[in-house]
Amino acid sequence: MRFLITLLMLTLAAPAQAQLQFESKPDPAAGPPGIRWLQKEPMSLFDLGMMELTNTANKIAVSFENVRGAVTEYRPEKGTIAVTFYYAAPYAAEMCTAQAKRLRDAMFPQRTDVARLAAELNSYFMSYGPNNDNRPRSLGQELIAMLRISIYMQGGICQLSLVSDTPEVWEDPTTAVAPPVAKAPDK
């Protein structure tokens, strides 16, 4: 027993031979130029929120048949943030709109409560530290106004805002979708 206590005391008194991995800092001179540049670039709360929206959309997408994934992108020329789901089916306006509603409702089930929706959207763009004191009170409402759920299908796109059921649709006239093949009559 005395041997174990002595061994424990010697172990605690000995200096650490190597730093633990999480205590070490990356060597800024290590790696190729592109990686060094990435390590120097800061990540904004906007970047974090866009990633969080994409992660949430992709978690929702796996439970929908024919939805192959999602991405969130900022469209400054339109003043919108689009969560775009990729749907593996030929475009049909009614189907596109119905799927956009289903995906929107799955991603934001409490969207009819505007105050709750604003708080939820705020949470995507929030720091984990104490530096949120100067956050504009209007941010949640701004995000509600900007966010769109888009469905991209072969031959067209449809899009819904969070608060309206009136879709915006764009059909691609250059994409020919083959008509359904007629079955031969049974003899």
C-alpha atoms as a PDB file:
ATOM      1  CA  MET A   1       0.000   0.000   0.000  1.00  0.00           C
ATOM      2  CA  ARG A   2       2.836   2.376   0.877  1.00  0.00           C
ATOM      3  CA  PHE A   3       4.363   1.607  -2.477  1.00  0.00           C
ATOM      4  CA  LEU A   4       1.192   2.728  -4.303  1.00  0.00           C
ATOM      5  CA  ILE A   5       0.988   5.978  -2.337  1.00  0.00           C
ATOM      6  CA  THR A   6       4.668   6.724  -3.041  1.00  0.00           C
ATOM      7  CA  LEU A   7       4.182   5.967  -6.729  1.00  0.00           C
ATOM      8  CA  LEU A   8       1.154   8.258  -6.873  1.00  0.00           C
ATOM      9  CA  MET A   9       3.049  11.099  -5.150  1.00  0.00           C
ATOM     10  CA  LEU A  10       5.986  10.755  -7.547  1.00  0.00           C
ATOM     11  CA  THR A  11       3.636  10.804 -10.534  1.00  0.00           C
ATOM     12  CA  LEU A  12       1.888  13.963  -9.353  1.00  0.00           C
ATOM     13  CA  ALA A  13       5.158  15.707  -8.535  1.00  0.00           C
ATOM     14  CA  ALA A  14       6.815  14.904 -11.887  1.00  0.00           C
ATOM     15  CA  PRO A  15       6.515  17.616 -14.568  1.00  0.00           C
ATOM     16  CA  ALA A  16       4.387  16.778 -17.569  1.00  0.00           C
ATOM     17  CA  GLN A  17       6.542  15.490 -20.389  1.00  0.00           C
ATOM     18  CA  ALA A  18       4.210  16.714 -23.147  1.00  0.00           C
ATOM     19  CA  GLN A  19       1.293  19.074 -23.396  1.00  0.00           C
ATOM     20  CA  LEU A  20      -2.126  17.636 -23.845  1.00  0.00           C
ATOM     21  CA  GLN A  21      -3.469  18.027 -27.373  1.00  0.00           C
ATOM     22  CA  PHE A  22      -6.170  20.531 -26.427  1.00  0.00           C
ATOM     23  CA  GLU A  23      -3.629  22.712 -24.640  1.00  0.00           C
ATOM     24  CA  SER A  24      -1.427  23.120 -27.700  1.00  0.00           C
ATOM     25  CA  LYS A  25      -1.883  25.973 -30.134  1.00  0.00           C
ATOM     26  CA  PRO A  26      -1.625  25.456 -33.889  1.00  0.00           C
ATOM     27  CA  ASP A  27       1.654  26.527 -35.412  1.00  0.00           C
ATOM     28  CA  PRO A  28       0.759  29.509 -37.658  1.00  0.00           C
ATOM     29  CA  ALA A  29       3.679  28.685 -39.943  1.00  0.00           C
ATOM     30  CA  ALA A  30       2.525  25.088 -40.463  1.00  0.00           C
ATOM     31  CA  GLY A  31       0.492  23.991 -43.420  1.00  0.00           C
ATOM     32  CA  PRO A  32       0.061  25.227 -46.988  1.00  0.00           C
ATOM     33  CA  PRO A  33      -0.758  28.901 -47.721  1.00  0.00           C
ATOM     34  CA  GLY A  34      -4.493  28.292 -48.146  1.00  0.00           C
ATOM     35  CA  ILE A  35      -4.799  26.602 -44.752  1.00  0.00           C
ATOM     36  CA  ARG A  36      -2.758  29.358 -43.065  1.00  0.00           C
ATOM     37  CA  TRP A  37      -5.094  31.943 -44.619  1.00  0.00           C
ATOM     38  CA  LEU A  38      -8.176  30.047 -43.366  1.00  0.00           C
ATOM     39  CA  GLN A  39      -6.740  29.918 -39.849  1.00  0.00           C
ATOM     40  CA  LYS A  40      -6.375  33.702 -39.812  1.00  0.00           C
ATOM     41  CA  GLU A  41      -9.897  34.484 -41.092  1.00  0.00           C
ATOM     42  CA  PRO A  42     -12.477  35.132 -38.365  1.00  0.00           C
ATOM     43  CA  MET A  43     -15.875  33.452 -38.373  1.00  0.00           C
ATOM     44  CA  SER A  44     -18.837  35.786 -37.930  1.00  0.00           C
ATOM     45  CA  LEU A  45     -22.132  35.135 -36.157  1.00  0.00           C
ATOM     46  CA  PHE A  46     -23.687  35.376 -39.617  1.00  0.00           C
ATOM     47  CA  ASP A  47     -21.474  32.505 -40.842  1.00  0.00           C
ATOM     48  CA  LEU A  48     -22.356  30.478 -37.763  1.00  0.00           C
ATOM     49  CA  GLY A  49     -26.087  31.060 -38.260  1.00  0.00           C
ATOM     50  CA  MET A  50     -25.940  30.077 -41.912  1.00  0.00           C
ATOM     51  CA  MET A  51     -24.162  26.838 -40.974  1.00  0.00           C
ATOM     52  CA  GLU A  52     -26.691  26.119 -38.217  1.00  0.00           C
ATOM     53  CA  LEU A  53     -29.619  26.663 -40.611  1.00  0.00           C
ATOM     54  CA  THR A  54     -28.001  24.325 -43.149  1.00  0.00           C
ATOM     55  CA  ASN A  55     -27.409  21.647 -40.492  1.00  0.00           C
ATOM     56  CA  THR A  56     -31.017  21.859 -39.317  1.00  0.00           C
ATOM     57  CA  ALA A  57     -32.329  21.724 -42.893  1.00  0.00           C
ATOM     58  CA  ASN A  58     -30.232  18.649 -43.650  1.00  0.00           C
ATOM     59  CA  LYS A  59     -31.514  16.905 -40.517  1.00  0.00           C
ATOM     60  CA  ILE A  60     -35.074  17.611 -41.703  1.00  0.00           C
ATOM     61  CA  ALA A  61     -34.282  16.523 -45.287  1.00  0.00           C
ATOM     62  CA  VAL A  62     -33.411  12.941 -44.368  1.00  0.00           C
ATOM     63  CA  SER A  63     -36.984  12.265 -43.244  1.00  0.00           C
ATOM     64  CA  PHE A  64     -38.464  13.318 -46.609  1.00  0.00           C
ATOM     65  CA  GLU A  65     -38.575  11.018 -49.598  1.00  0.00           C
ATOM     66  CA  ASN A  66     -36.787  12.412 -52.668  1.00  0.00           C
ATOM     67  CA  VAL A  67     -35.120  15.278 -50.755  1.00  0.00           C
ATOM     68  CA  ARG A  68     -31.399  14.947 -51.321  1.00  0.00           C
ATOM     69  CA  GLY A  69     -30.057  17.657 -49.020  1.00  0.00           C
ATOM     70  CA  ALA A  70     -30.137  21.356 -48.351  1.00  0.00           C
ATOM     71  CA  VAL A  71     -27.967  24.432 -48.307  1.00  0.00           C
ATOM     72  CA  THR A  72     -28.504  27.921 -46.931  1.00  0.00           C
ATOM     73  CA  GLU A  73     -27.310  30.922 -48.899  1.00  0.00           C
ATOM     74  CA  TYR A  74     -27.494  34.677 -48.582  1.00  0.00           C
ATOM     75  CA  ARG A  75     -28.750  36.484 -51.678  1.00  0.00           C
ATOM     76  CA  PRO A  76     -27.787  40.126 -51.111  1.00  0.00           C
ATOM     77  CA  GLU A  77     -29.144  41.260 -54.491  1.00  0.00           C
ATOM     78  CA  LYS A  78     -32.607  40.045 -53.423  1.00  0.00           C
ATOM     79  CA  GLY A  79     -32.236  40.766 -49.721  1.00  0.00           C
ATOM     80  CA  THR A  80     -33.079  37.155 -48.837  1.00  0.00           C
ATOM     81  CA  ILE A  81     -31.650  34.149 -47.088  1.00  0.00           C
ATOM     82  CA  ALA A  82     -32.731  30.966 -48.855  1.00  0.00           C
ATOM     83  CA  VAL A  83     -32.796  27.524 -47.312  1.00  0.00           C
ATOM     84  CA  THR A  84     -32.817  25.479 -50.516  1.00  0.00           C
ATOM     85  CA  PHE A  85     -33.827  21.825 -50.504  1.00  0.00           C
ATOM     86  CA  TYR A  86     -32.862  19.664 -53.481  1.00  0.00           C
ATOM     87  CA  TYR A  87     -35.782  17.513 -54.582  1.00  0.00           C
ATOM     88  CA  ALA A  88     -35.133  14.573 -56.913  1.00  0.00           C
ATOM     89  CA  ALA A  89     -38.222  14.773 -59.107  1.00  0.00           C
ATOM     90  CA  PRO A  90     -39.350  16.635 -62.223  1.00  0.00           C
ATOM     91  CA  TYR A  91     -40.795  20.077 -61.577  1.00  0.00           C
ATOM     92  CA  ALA A  92     -44.521  20.476 -61.092  1.00  0.00           C
ATOM     93  CA  ALA A  93     -45.653  23.781 -59.548  1.00  0.00           C
ATOM     94  CA  GLU A  94     -48.295  22.271 -57.260  1.00  0.00           C
ATOM     95  CA  MET A  95     -45.998  19.521 -55.984  1.00  0.00           C
ATOM     96  CA  CYS A  96     -43.147  21.983 -55.490  1.00  0.00           C
ATOM     97  CA  THR A  97     -45.322  24.317 -53.429  1.00  0.00           C
ATOM     98  CA  ALA A  98     -46.763  21.460 -51.365  1.00  0.00           C
ATOM     99  CA  GLN A  99     -43.266  20.161 -50.575  1.00  0.00           C
ATOM    100  CA  ALA A 100     -42.055  23.669 -49.679  1.00  0.00           C
ATOM    101  CA  LYS A 101     -44.930  24.000 -47.189  1.00  0.00           C
ATOM    102  CA  ARG A 102     -44.215  20.574 -45.667  1.00  0.00           C
ATOM    103  CA  LEU A 103     -40.478  21.276 -45.315  1.00  0.00           C
ATOM    104  CA  ARG A 104     -41.093  24.778 -43.947  1.00  0.00           C
ATOM    105  CA  ASP A 105     -43.552  23.426 -41.368  1.00  0.00           C
ATOM    106  CA  ALA A 106     -41.147  20.649 -40.386  1.00  0.00           C
ATOM    107  CA  MET A 107     -38.257  23.069 -39.959  1.00  0.00           C
ATOM    108  CA  PHE A 108     -40.287  25.768 -38.180  1.00  0.00           C
ATOM    109  CA  PRO A 109     -43.295  24.066 -36.551  1.00  0.00           C
ATOM    110  CA  GLN A 110     -44.041  27.082 -34.323  1.00  0.00           C
ATOM    111  CA  ARG A 111     -43.880  29.619 -37.159  1.00  0.00           C
ATOM    112  CA  THR A 112     -47.410  30.958 -36.561  1.00  0.00           C
ATOM    113  CA  ASP A 113     -46.240  32.371 -33.213  1.00  0.00           C
ATOM    114  CA  VAL A 114     -44.185  35.259 -34.613  1.00  0.00           C
ATOM    115  CA  ALA A 115     -42.486  36.157 -31.311  1.00  0.00           C
ATOM    116  CA  ARG A 116     -41.420  32.551 -30.810  1.00  0.00           C
ATOM    117  CA  LEU A 117     -40.255  32.284 -34.421  1.00  0.00           C
ATOM    118  CA  ALA A 118     -38.167  35.473 -34.030  1.00  0.00           C
ATOM    119  CA  ALA A 119     -36.546  34.052 -30.891  1.00  0.00           C
ATOM    120  CA  GLU A 120     -35.864  30.734 -32.641  1.00  0.00           C
ATOM    121  CA  LEU A 121     -34.219  32.436 -35.615  1.00  0.00           C
ATOM    122  CA  ASN A 122     -32.185  34.616 -33.255  1.00  0.00           C
ATOM    123  CA  SER A 123     -30.854  31.447 -31.619  1.00  0.00           C
ATOM    124  CA  TYR A 124     -29.279  30.313 -34.892  1.00  0.00           C
ATOM    125  CA  PHE A 125     -27.193  33.487 -35.044  1.00  0.00           C
ATOM    126  CA  MET A 126     -26.094  33.661 -31.409  1.00  0.00           C
ATOM    127  CA  SER A 127     -22.712  33.497 -29.771  1.00  0.00           C
ATOM    128  CA  TYR A 128     -22.130  31.010 -27.006  1.00  0.00           C
ATOM    129  CA  GLY A 129     -20.326  33.717 -25.046  1.00  0.00           C
ATOM    130  CA  PRO A 130     -21.549  36.771 -23.136  1.00  0.00           C
ATOM    131  CA  ASN A 131     -21.207  39.170 -26.093  1.00  0.00           C
ATOM    132  CA  ASN A 132     -24.859  39.397 -27.147  1.00  0.00           C
ATOM    133  CA  ASP A 133     -25.731  42.559 -25.198  1.00  0.00           C
ATOM    134  CA  ASN A 134     -25.658  44.860 -28.223  1.00  0.00           C
ATOM    135  CA  ARG A 135     -27.765  42.573 -30.450  1.00  0.00           C
ATOM    136  CA  PRO A 136     -30.391  44.656 -32.304  1.00  0.00           C
ATOM    137  CA  ARG A 137     -33.888  43.923 -30.997  1.00  0.00           C
ATOM    138  CA  SER A 138     -35.149  43.885 -34.585  1.00  0.00           C
ATOM    139  CA  LEU A 139     -32.887  41.001 -35.661  1.00  0.00           C
ATOM    140  CA  GLY A 140     -35.518  38.253 -35.282  1.00  0.00           C
ATOM    141  CA  GLN A 141     -38.065  40.218 -37.308  1.00  0.00           C
ATOM    142  CA  GLU A 142     -35.453  40.973 -39.964  1.00  0.00           C
ATOM    143  CA  LEU A 143     -34.644  37.274 -40.253  1.00  0.00           C
ATOM    144  CA  ILE A 144     -38.349  36.382 -40.553  1.00  0.00           C
ATOM    145  CA  ALA A 145     -38.719  38.910 -43.375  1.00  0.00           C
ATOM    146  CA  MET A 146     -35.617  37.639 -45.204  1.00  0.00           C
ATOM    147  CA  LEU A 147     -35.836  33.866 -44.824  1.00  0.00           C
ATOM    148  CA  ARG A 148     -37.250  31.782 -47.677  1.00  0.00           C
ATOM    149  CA  ILE A 149     -37.736  28.053 -48.068  1.00  0.00           C
ATOM    150  CA  SER A 150     -36.847  27.051 -51.634  1.00  0.00           C
ATOM    151  CA  ILE A 151     -37.302  23.773 -53.437  1.00  0.00           C
ATOM    152  CA  TYR A 152     -35.064  23.076 -56.394  1.00  0.00           C
ATOM    153  CA  MET A 153     -36.439  20.471 -58.791  1.00  0.00           C
ATOM    154  CA  GLN A 154     -35.435  19.429 -62.296  1.00  0.00           C
ATOM    155  CA  GLY A 155     -37.100  22.092 -64.423  1.00  0.00           C
ATOM    156  CA  GLY A 156     -38.019  24.689 -61.821  1.00  0.00           C
ATOM    157  CA  ILE A 157     -37.862  26.244 -58.394  1.00  0.00           C
ATOM    158  CA  CYS A 158     -40.509  27.377 -55.953  1.00  0.00           C
ATOM    159  CA  GLN A 159     -40.066  29.460 -52.855  1.00  0.00           C
ATOM    160  CA  LEU A 160     -42.121  30.414 -49.802  1.00  0.00           C
ATOM    161  CA  SER A 161     -41.558  32.980 -47.105  1.00  0.00           C
ATOM    162  CA  LEU A 162     -42.019  31.926 -43.504  1.00  0.00           C
ATOM    163  CA  VAL A 163     -45.290  33.797 -43.109  1.00  0.00           C
ATOM    164  CA  SER A 164     -47.011  33.487 -46.491  1.00  0.00           C
ATOM    165  CA  ASP A 165     -48.455  30.563 -48.414  1.00  0.00           C
ATOM    166  CA  THR A 166     -48.212  32.404 -51.733  1.00  0.00           C
ATOM    167  CA  PRO A 167     -45.317  30.803 -53.630  1.00  0.00           C
ATOM    168  CA  GLU A 168     -42.881  32.366 -56.034  1.00  0.00           C
ATOM    169  CA  VAL A 169     -42.169  29.971 -58.904  1.00  0.00           C
ATOM    170  CA  TRP A 170     -39.596  29.874 -61.662  1.00  0.00           C
ATOM    171  CA  GLU A 171     -39.846  27.332 -64.451  1.00  0.00           C
ATOM    172  CA  ASP A 172     -36.865  26.567 -66.640  1.00  0.00           C
ATOM    173  CA  PRO A 173     -38.118  26.416 -70.255  1.00  0.00           C
ATOM    174  CA  THR A 174     -34.832  24.860 -71.412  1.00  0.00           C
ATOM    175  CA  THR A 175     -35.347  21.761 -69.267  1.00  0.00           C
ATOM    176  CA  ALA A 176     -37.596  19.342 -71.043  1.00  0.00           C
ATOM    177  CA  VAL A 177     -39.265  16.954 -68.676  1.00  0.00           C
ATOM    178  CA  ALA A 178     -40.311  13.779 -70.442  1.00  0.00           C
ATOM    179  CA  PRO A 179     -44.048  13.145 -70.420  1.00  0.00           C
ATOM    180  CA  PRO A 180     -45.234  10.031 -68.590  1.00  0.00           C
ATOM    181  CA  VAL A 181     -45.162   6.883 -70.681  1.00  0.00           C
ATOM    182  CA  ALA A 182     -48.652   5.605 -71.505  1.00  0.00           C
ATOM    183  CA  LYS A 183     -49.320   2.022 -70.582  1.00  0.00           C
ATOM    184  CA  ALA A 184     -50.479  -0.296 -73.331  1.00  0.00           C
ATOM    185  CA  PRO A 185     -54.067  -1.406 -72.811  1.00  0.00           C
ATOM    186  CA  ASP A 186     -54.522  -4.882 -71.380  1.00  0.00           C
ATOM    187  CA  LYS A 187     -55.811  -7.435 -73.893  1.00  0.00           C
END
